[in-house]
Amino acid sequence: MPSPELPNDETESEADSVFRTAITIEMGLGFVAILLGWITGIDVRQFIPTLETGHFSQVWSGLAMGVLAAFPMLLVVKLLERLDWEPIRGLKALEELPIVNTLLKLSAPELVAISIAAGVGEELLIRGWLMGWITGPLDTATPTLVIAGLVTSAIAFGLMHPITPAYAVIASFIGLYLGALVIWTGNLLVPIAAHAAYDAIHLVQAKRQQLADERQQS
């Protein structure tokens, strides 16, 4: 956590560094997905509708459906936060971590930009490449391959978020949900939008809560 004695320009510089790093890492995951897809012969965009005639509506409907699909995740997490259980209490303390504290110093548009980058990069890698590699085209995939792709990608998603054991488990269940959205809709834009919307709403709410707490303490 930045010390209260730190000059504002030093704090802002640290926040800018966190912003650039987060964007680079998240978008880098997308490039990794494309590279892995090229190596393995998997088109990571196979579940993404194009803007060609007849597909345009699938793009906008997929994005809209994804935003709506974020709210069940937000509701479940809010309910979990009400549990008086040590692993859950540990999740509440995550905002006190220095990196998270610095992240919440960013502006709302910057937090939204990071969220979009995370939605695109992580979903291209986990659902676009990994799940797509295991299942292949959904219209010809067997139930066994679909289940294998869903579960494997969900576990991988959880392992990508090893902040705490409880956080990794919750992320794995979120991964199951996001993977199920792909299987249900055949449209990767749905989990991309859901992932981005969930992160953006969660981060902006956390930032507002942090500002409210700081005003009460002053």
C-alpha atoms as a PDB file:
ATOM      1  CA  MET A   1       0.000   0.000   0.000  1.00  0.00           C
ATOM      2  CA  PRO A   2       1.429   3.393  -0.886  1.00  0.00           C
ATOM      3  CA  SER A   3       2.473   5.300   2.184  1.00  0.00           C
ATOM      4  CA  PRO A   4       0.394   8.396   3.005  1.00  0.00           C
ATOM      5  CA  GLU A   5       3.671  10.345   2.921  1.00  0.00           C
ATOM      6  CA  LEU A   6       4.336   9.490  -0.720  1.00  0.00           C
ATOM      7  CA  PRO A   7       4.038  12.485  -3.066  1.00  0.00           C
ATOM      8  CA  ASN A   8       1.012  12.396  -5.340  1.00  0.00           C
ATOM      9  CA  ASP A   9       3.134  12.226  -8.498  1.00  0.00           C
ATOM     10  CA  GLU A  10       4.944   9.127  -7.157  1.00  0.00           C
ATOM     11  CA  THR A  11       1.628   7.448  -6.315  1.00  0.00           C
ATOM     12  CA  GLU A  12       0.256   8.314  -9.754  1.00  0.00           C
ATOM     13  CA  SER A  13       3.416   6.949 -11.391  1.00  0.00           C
ATOM     14  CA  GLU A  14       2.988   3.669  -9.525  1.00  0.00           C
ATOM     15  CA  ALA A  15      -0.653   3.450 -10.594  1.00  0.00           C
ATOM     16  CA  ASP A  16       0.279   4.177 -14.220  1.00  0.00           C
ATOM     17  CA  SER A  17       2.849   1.387 -14.072  1.00  0.00           C
ATOM     18  CA  VAL A  18       0.225  -1.033 -12.737  1.00  0.00           C
ATOM     19  CA  PHE A  19      -2.158   0.014 -15.524  1.00  0.00           C
ATOM     20  CA  ARG A  20       0.405  -0.523 -18.276  1.00  0.00           C
ATOM     21  CA  THR A  21       1.497  -3.843 -16.805  1.00  0.00           C
ATOM     22  CA  ALA A  22      -2.060  -5.134 -16.439  1.00  0.00           C
ATOM     23  CA  ILE A  23      -2.989  -4.175 -20.015  1.00  0.00           C
ATOM     24  CA  THR A  24       0.205  -5.718 -21.378  1.00  0.00           C
ATOM     25  CA  ILE A  25      -0.266  -8.997 -19.509  1.00  0.00           C
ATOM     26  CA  GLU A  26      -3.951  -9.403 -20.326  1.00  0.00           C
ATOM     27  CA  MET A  27      -3.591  -8.567 -24.002  1.00  0.00           C
ATOM     28  CA  GLY A  28      -0.436 -10.668 -24.080  1.00  0.00           C
ATOM     29  CA  LEU A  29      -2.561 -13.677 -23.135  1.00  0.00           C
ATOM     30  CA  GLY A  30      -4.572 -13.088 -26.287  1.00  0.00           C
ATOM     31  CA  PHE A  31      -1.416 -13.129 -28.409  1.00  0.00           C
ATOM     32  CA  VAL A  32      -0.305 -16.304 -26.618  1.00  0.00           C
ATOM     33  CA  ALA A  33      -3.660 -17.851 -27.502  1.00  0.00           C
ATOM     34  CA  ILE A  34      -3.209 -16.942 -31.174  1.00  0.00           C
ATOM     35  CA  LEU A  35       0.341 -18.333 -31.142  1.00  0.00           C
ATOM     36  CA  LEU A  36      -0.763 -21.585 -29.496  1.00  0.00           C
ATOM     37  CA  GLY A  37      -3.616 -21.795 -31.962  1.00  0.00           C
ATOM     38  CA  TRP A  38      -1.184 -21.439 -34.854  1.00  0.00           C
ATOM     39  CA  ILE A  39       1.109 -24.115 -33.398  1.00  0.00           C
ATOM     40  CA  THR A  40      -1.731 -26.574 -32.722  1.00  0.00           C
ATOM     41  CA  GLY A  41      -3.799 -25.743 -35.787  1.00  0.00           C
ATOM     42  CA  ILE A  42      -6.694 -24.328 -33.750  1.00  0.00           C
ATOM     43  CA  ASP A  43      -8.461 -21.142 -34.801  1.00  0.00           C
ATOM     44  CA  VAL A  44      -9.024 -19.359 -31.478  1.00  0.00           C
ATOM     45  CA  ARG A  45     -11.670 -17.256 -33.234  1.00  0.00           C
ATOM     46  CA  GLN A  46     -13.728 -20.283 -34.242  1.00  0.00           C
ATOM     47  CA  PHE A  47     -16.472 -19.416 -31.726  1.00  0.00           C
ATOM     48  CA  ILE A  48     -16.527 -15.708 -32.624  1.00  0.00           C
ATOM     49  CA  PRO A  49     -19.126 -14.569 -35.197  1.00  0.00           C
ATOM     50  CA  THR A  50     -17.783 -12.253 -37.871  1.00  0.00           C
ATOM     51  CA  LEU A  51     -19.234  -8.972 -39.077  1.00  0.00           C
ATOM     52  CA  GLU A  52     -20.211 -10.560 -42.369  1.00  0.00           C
ATOM     53  CA  THR A  53     -23.777 -10.227 -43.619  1.00  0.00           C
ATOM     54  CA  GLY A  54     -26.065 -12.351 -41.494  1.00  0.00           C
ATOM     55  CA  HIS A  55     -23.642 -12.534 -38.560  1.00  0.00           C
ATOM     56  CA  PHE A  56     -23.782  -8.891 -37.500  1.00  0.00           C
ATOM     57  CA  SER A  57     -26.732  -9.493 -35.198  1.00  0.00           C
ATOM     58  CA  GLN A  58     -24.871 -12.361 -33.522  1.00  0.00           C
ATOM     59  CA  VAL A  59     -22.089  -9.965 -32.585  1.00  0.00           C
ATOM     60  CA  TRP A  60     -24.352  -7.453 -30.853  1.00  0.00           C
ATOM     61  CA  SER A  61     -26.641 -10.060 -29.329  1.00  0.00           C
ATOM     62  CA  GLY A  62     -23.602 -11.939 -28.020  1.00  0.00           C
ATOM     63  CA  LEU A  63     -22.198  -8.822 -26.376  1.00  0.00           C
ATOM     64  CA  ALA A  64     -25.584  -7.895 -24.873  1.00  0.00           C
ATOM     65  CA  MET A  65     -26.171 -11.422 -23.613  1.00  0.00           C
ATOM     66  CA  GLY A  66     -22.697 -11.445 -22.091  1.00  0.00           C
ATOM     67  CA  VAL A  67     -23.281  -8.238 -20.138  1.00  0.00           C
ATOM     68  CA  LEU A  68     -26.507  -9.680 -18.737  1.00  0.00           C
ATOM     69  CA  ALA A  69     -24.714 -12.954 -17.929  1.00  0.00           C
ATOM     70  CA  ALA A  70     -22.322 -11.062 -15.656  1.00  0.00           C
ATOM     71  CA  PHE A  71     -25.029 -10.296 -13.105  1.00  0.00           C
ATOM     72  CA  PRO A  72     -25.567 -13.876 -11.851  1.00  0.00           C
ATOM     73  CA  MET A  73     -21.817 -14.041 -11.144  1.00  0.00           C
ATOM     74  CA  LEU A  74     -21.907 -10.745  -9.279  1.00  0.00           C
ATOM     75  CA  LEU A  75     -24.923 -11.896  -7.249  1.00  0.00           C
ATOM     76  CA  VAL A  76     -23.321 -15.205  -6.270  1.00  0.00           C
ATOM     77  CA  VAL A  77     -20.097 -13.494  -5.202  1.00  0.00           C
ATOM     78  CA  LYS A  78     -22.059 -10.973  -3.124  1.00  0.00           C
ATOM     79  CA  LEU A  79     -23.885 -13.817  -1.402  1.00  0.00           C
ATOM     80  CA  LEU A  80     -20.620 -15.648  -0.744  1.00  0.00           C
ATOM     81  CA  GLU A  81     -19.160 -12.515   0.847  1.00  0.00           C
ATOM     82  CA  ARG A  82     -21.921 -12.676   3.458  1.00  0.00           C
ATOM     83  CA  LEU A  83     -20.677 -16.046   4.721  1.00  0.00           C
ATOM     84  CA  ASP A  84     -18.835 -15.951   8.030  1.00  0.00           C
ATOM     85  CA  TRP A  85     -16.182 -18.430   6.932  1.00  0.00           C
ATOM     86  CA  GLU A  86     -12.427 -17.972   7.163  1.00  0.00           C
ATOM     87  CA  PRO A  87     -11.630 -18.577   3.452  1.00  0.00           C
ATOM     88  CA  ILE A  88     -14.332 -16.067   2.503  1.00  0.00           C
ATOM     89  CA  ARG A  89     -13.087 -13.552   5.058  1.00  0.00           C
ATOM     90  CA  GLY A  90      -9.704 -13.886   3.384  1.00  0.00           C
ATOM     91  CA  LEU A  91     -11.259 -12.823   0.086  1.00  0.00           C
ATOM     92  CA  LYS A  92     -12.582  -9.650   1.686  1.00  0.00           C
ATOM     93  CA  ALA A  93      -9.052  -8.755   2.735  1.00  0.00           C
ATOM     94  CA  LEU A  94      -7.719  -8.891  -0.823  1.00  0.00           C
ATOM     95  CA  GLU A  95      -8.440  -5.193  -1.349  1.00  0.00           C
ATOM     96  CA  GLU A  96      -5.848  -4.461   1.338  1.00  0.00           C
ATOM     97  CA  LEU A  97      -3.078  -6.013  -0.761  1.00  0.00           C
ATOM     98  CA  PRO A  98      -0.641  -3.362  -2.064  1.00  0.00           C
ATOM     99  CA  ILE A  99      -1.170  -4.268  -5.729  1.00  0.00           C
ATOM    100  CA  VAL A 100      -4.962  -4.196  -5.401  1.00  0.00           C
ATOM    101  CA  ASN A 101      -4.855  -0.965  -3.438  1.00  0.00           C
ATOM    102  CA  THR A 102      -2.761   0.625  -6.176  1.00  0.00           C
ATOM    103  CA  LEU A 103      -5.054  -0.784  -8.851  1.00  0.00           C
ATOM    104  CA  LEU A 104      -8.045   0.882  -7.211  1.00  0.00           C
ATOM    105  CA  LYS A 105      -6.257   4.230  -7.462  1.00  0.00           C
ATOM    106  CA  LEU A 106      -6.836   4.085 -11.213  1.00  0.00           C
ATOM    107  CA  SER A 107      -9.727   5.953 -12.784  1.00  0.00           C
ATOM    108  CA  ALA A 108     -12.957   4.155 -13.636  1.00  0.00           C
ATOM    109  CA  PRO A 109     -12.231   4.261 -17.404  1.00  0.00           C
ATOM    110  CA  GLU A 110      -8.811   2.702 -16.755  1.00  0.00           C
ATOM    111  CA  LEU A 111     -10.390  -0.065 -14.669  1.00  0.00           C
ATOM    112  CA  VAL A 112     -12.900  -0.693 -17.463  1.00  0.00           C
ATOM    113  CA  ALA A 113     -10.053  -0.849 -20.013  1.00  0.00           C
ATOM    114  CA  ILE A 114      -8.222  -3.454 -17.917  1.00  0.00           C
ATOM    115  CA  SER A 115     -11.446  -5.423 -17.563  1.00  0.00           C
ATOM    116  CA  ILE A 116     -12.005  -5.467 -21.310  1.00  0.00           C
ATOM    117  CA  ALA A 117      -8.406  -6.554 -21.879  1.00  0.00           C
ATOM    118  CA  ALA A 118      -8.873  -9.359 -19.334  1.00  0.00           C
ATOM    119  CA  GLY A 119     -12.111 -10.476 -20.949  1.00  0.00           C
ATOM    120  CA  VAL A 120     -10.549 -10.629 -24.399  1.00  0.00           C
ATOM    121  CA  GLY A 121      -7.132 -12.040 -23.478  1.00  0.00           C
ATOM    122  CA  GLU A 122      -8.168 -14.656 -20.927  1.00  0.00           C
ATOM    123  CA  GLU A 123     -11.196 -15.872 -22.857  1.00  0.00           C
ATOM    124  CA  LEU A 124      -9.242 -16.223 -26.104  1.00  0.00           C
ATOM    125  CA  LEU A 125      -6.694 -18.336 -24.253  1.00  0.00           C
ATOM    126  CA  ILE A 126      -8.929 -20.445 -21.999  1.00  0.00           C
ATOM    127  CA  ARG A 127     -12.196 -20.800 -23.919  1.00  0.00           C
ATOM    128  CA  GLY A 128     -11.005 -19.933 -27.430  1.00  0.00           C
ATOM    129  CA  TRP A 129      -7.844 -22.018 -27.536  1.00  0.00           C
ATOM    130  CA  LEU A 130      -7.785 -24.543 -24.667  1.00  0.00           C
ATOM    131  CA  MET A 131     -11.436 -25.541 -24.691  1.00  0.00           C
ATOM    132  CA  GLY A 132     -11.577 -25.282 -28.465  1.00  0.00           C
ATOM    133  CA  TRP A 133      -8.501 -27.496 -28.751  1.00  0.00           C
ATOM    134  CA  ILE A 134     -10.099 -30.217 -26.629  1.00  0.00           C
ATOM    135  CA  THR A 135     -13.645 -30.098 -27.969  1.00  0.00           C
ATOM    136  CA  GLY A 136     -13.057 -29.115 -31.572  1.00  0.00           C
ATOM    137  CA  PRO A 137     -16.080 -27.713 -33.436  1.00  0.00           C
ATOM    138  CA  LEU A 138     -19.043 -27.825 -31.081  1.00  0.00           C
ATOM    139  CA  ASP A 139     -21.459 -29.089 -33.703  1.00  0.00           C
ATOM    140  CA  THR A 140     -19.430 -32.295 -34.138  1.00  0.00           C
ATOM    141  CA  ALA A 141     -18.003 -32.695 -30.607  1.00  0.00           C
ATOM    142  CA  THR A 142     -19.032 -35.734 -28.566  1.00  0.00           C
ATOM    143  CA  PRO A 143     -20.495 -35.218 -25.065  1.00  0.00           C
ATOM    144  CA  THR A 144     -17.269 -36.627 -23.591  1.00  0.00           C
ATOM    145  CA  LEU A 145     -15.135 -34.077 -25.429  1.00  0.00           C
ATOM    146  CA  VAL A 146     -17.476 -31.247 -24.467  1.00  0.00           C
ATOM    147  CA  ILE A 147     -17.343 -32.184 -20.781  1.00  0.00           C
ATOM    148  CA  ALA A 148     -13.569 -32.681 -20.915  1.00  0.00           C
ATOM    149  CA  GLY A 149     -13.081 -29.290 -22.544  1.00  0.00           C
ATOM    150  CA  LEU A 150     -15.421 -27.579 -20.110  1.00  0.00           C
ATOM    151  CA  VAL A 151     -13.864 -29.047 -16.961  1.00  0.00           C
ATOM    152  CA  THR A 152     -10.239 -28.738 -18.102  1.00  0.00           C
ATOM    153  CA  SER A 153     -10.640 -25.118 -19.147  1.00  0.00           C
ATOM    154  CA  ALA A 154     -12.414 -24.289 -15.869  1.00  0.00           C
ATOM    155  CA  ILE A 155      -9.611 -25.801 -13.807  1.00  0.00           C
ATOM    156  CA  ALA A 156      -7.031 -23.941 -15.895  1.00  0.00           C
ATOM    157  CA  PHE A 157      -8.959 -20.727 -15.329  1.00  0.00           C
ATOM    158  CA  GLY A 158      -8.893 -21.326 -11.577  1.00  0.00           C
ATOM    159  CA  LEU A 159      -5.148 -22.016 -11.643  1.00  0.00           C
ATOM    160  CA  MET A 160      -4.643 -18.702 -13.411  1.00  0.00           C
ATOM    161  CA  HIS A 161      -6.096 -16.958 -10.339  1.00  0.00           C
ATOM    162  CA  PRO A 162      -4.145 -18.480  -7.407  1.00  0.00           C
ATOM    163  CA  ILE A 163      -4.457 -15.428  -5.153  1.00  0.00           C
ATOM    164  CA  THR A 164      -5.876 -17.644  -2.394  1.00  0.00           C
ATOM    165  CA  PRO A 165      -7.127 -21.262  -2.518  1.00  0.00           C
ATOM    166  CA  ALA A 166     -10.713 -20.040  -2.076  1.00  0.00           C
ATOM    167  CA  TYR A 167     -10.287 -17.512  -4.876  1.00  0.00           C
ATOM    168  CA  ALA A 168      -8.946 -20.214  -7.218  1.00  0.00           C
ATOM    169  CA  VAL A 169     -11.902 -22.492  -6.425  1.00  0.00           C
ATOM    170  CA  ILE A 170     -14.415 -19.704  -7.042  1.00  0.00           C
ATOM    171  CA  ALA A 171     -12.614 -18.815 -10.270  1.00  0.00           C
ATOM    172  CA  SER A 172     -12.888 -22.454 -11.370  1.00  0.00           C
ATOM    173  CA  PHE A 173     -16.648 -22.420 -10.864  1.00  0.00           C
ATOM    174  CA  ILE A 174     -16.834 -19.132 -12.750  1.00  0.00           C
ATOM    175  CA  GLY A 175     -14.834 -20.873 -15.466  1.00  0.00           C
ATOM    176  CA  LEU A 176     -17.459 -23.611 -15.636  1.00  0.00           C
ATOM    177  CA  TYR A 177     -20.140 -20.956 -16.033  1.00  0.00           C
ATOM    178  CA  LEU A 178     -18.252 -19.088 -18.751  1.00  0.00           C
ATOM    179  CA  GLY A 179     -17.494 -22.321 -20.589  1.00  0.00           C
ATOM    180  CA  ALA A 180     -21.138 -23.343 -20.397  1.00  0.00           C
ATOM    181  CA  LEU A 181     -22.044 -20.023 -22.030  1.00  0.00           C
ATOM    182  CA  VAL A 182     -19.849 -20.912 -25.001  1.00  0.00           C
ATOM    183  CA  ILE A 183     -21.377 -24.389 -25.268  1.00  0.00           C
ATOM    184  CA  TRP A 184     -24.913 -23.019 -24.942  1.00  0.00           C
ATOM    185  CA  THR A 185     -24.550 -20.127 -27.393  1.00  0.00           C
ATOM    186  CA  GLY A 186     -21.640 -21.209 -29.595  1.00  0.00           C
ATOM    187  CA  ASN A 187     -20.510 -17.584 -29.321  1.00  0.00           C
ATOM    188  CA  LEU A 188     -17.240 -16.674 -27.559  1.00  0.00           C
ATOM    189  CA  LEU A 189     -18.316 -13.024 -27.404  1.00  0.00           C
ATOM    190  CA  VAL A 190     -20.795 -13.977 -24.670  1.00  0.00           C
ATOM    191  CA  PRO A 191     -18.166 -15.050 -22.065  1.00  0.00           C
ATOM    192  CA  ILE A 192     -15.822 -12.280 -23.227  1.00  0.00           C
ATOM    193  CA  ALA A 193     -18.485  -9.660 -22.485  1.00  0.00           C
ATOM    194  CA  ALA A 194     -19.571 -11.420 -19.272  1.00  0.00           C
ATOM    195  CA  HIS A 195     -15.981 -11.619 -18.029  1.00  0.00           C
ATOM    196  CA  ALA A 196     -15.259  -7.983 -18.893  1.00  0.00           C
ATOM    197  CA  ALA A 197     -18.521  -6.691 -17.407  1.00  0.00           C
ATOM    198  CA  TYR A 198     -18.057  -8.689 -14.202  1.00  0.00           C
ATOM    199  CA  ASP A 199     -14.513  -7.391 -13.699  1.00  0.00           C
ATOM    200  CA  ALA A 200     -15.457  -3.810 -14.545  1.00  0.00           C
ATOM    201  CA  ILE A 201     -18.462  -3.667 -12.225  1.00  0.00           C
ATOM    202  CA  HIS A 202     -16.599  -5.392  -9.407  1.00  0.00           C
ATOM    203  CA  LEU A 203     -13.553  -3.107  -9.677  1.00  0.00           C
ATOM    204  CA  VAL A 204     -15.528   0.120 -10.004  1.00  0.00           C
ATOM    205  CA  GLN A 205     -17.671  -0.832  -7.012  1.00  0.00           C
ATOM    206  CA  ALA A 206     -14.545  -1.638  -4.998  1.00  0.00           C
ATOM    207  CA  LYS A 207     -13.044   1.723  -5.971  1.00  0.00           C
ATOM    208  CA  ARG A 208     -16.185   3.563  -4.875  1.00  0.00           C
ATOM    209  CA  GLN A 209     -16.190   1.696  -1.571  1.00  0.00           C
ATOM    210  CA  GLN A 210     -12.534   2.562  -1.035  1.00  0.00           C
ATOM    211  CA  LEU A 211     -13.231   6.262  -1.682  1.00  0.00           C
ATOM    212  CA  ALA A 212     -16.199   6.178   0.707  1.00  0.00           C
ATOM    213  CA  ASP A 213     -14.064   4.572   3.415  1.00  0.00           C
ATOM    214  CA  GLU A 214     -11.339   7.188   2.921  1.00  0.00           C
ATOM    215  CA  ARG A 215     -13.884  10.006   3.259  1.00  0.00           C
ATOM    216  CA  GLN A 216     -15.184   8.520   6.499  1.00  0.00           C
ATOM    217  CA  GLN A 217     -11.668   8.277   7.915  1.00  0.00           C
ATOM    218  CA  SER A 218     -10.778  11.859   7.010  1.00  0.00           C
END
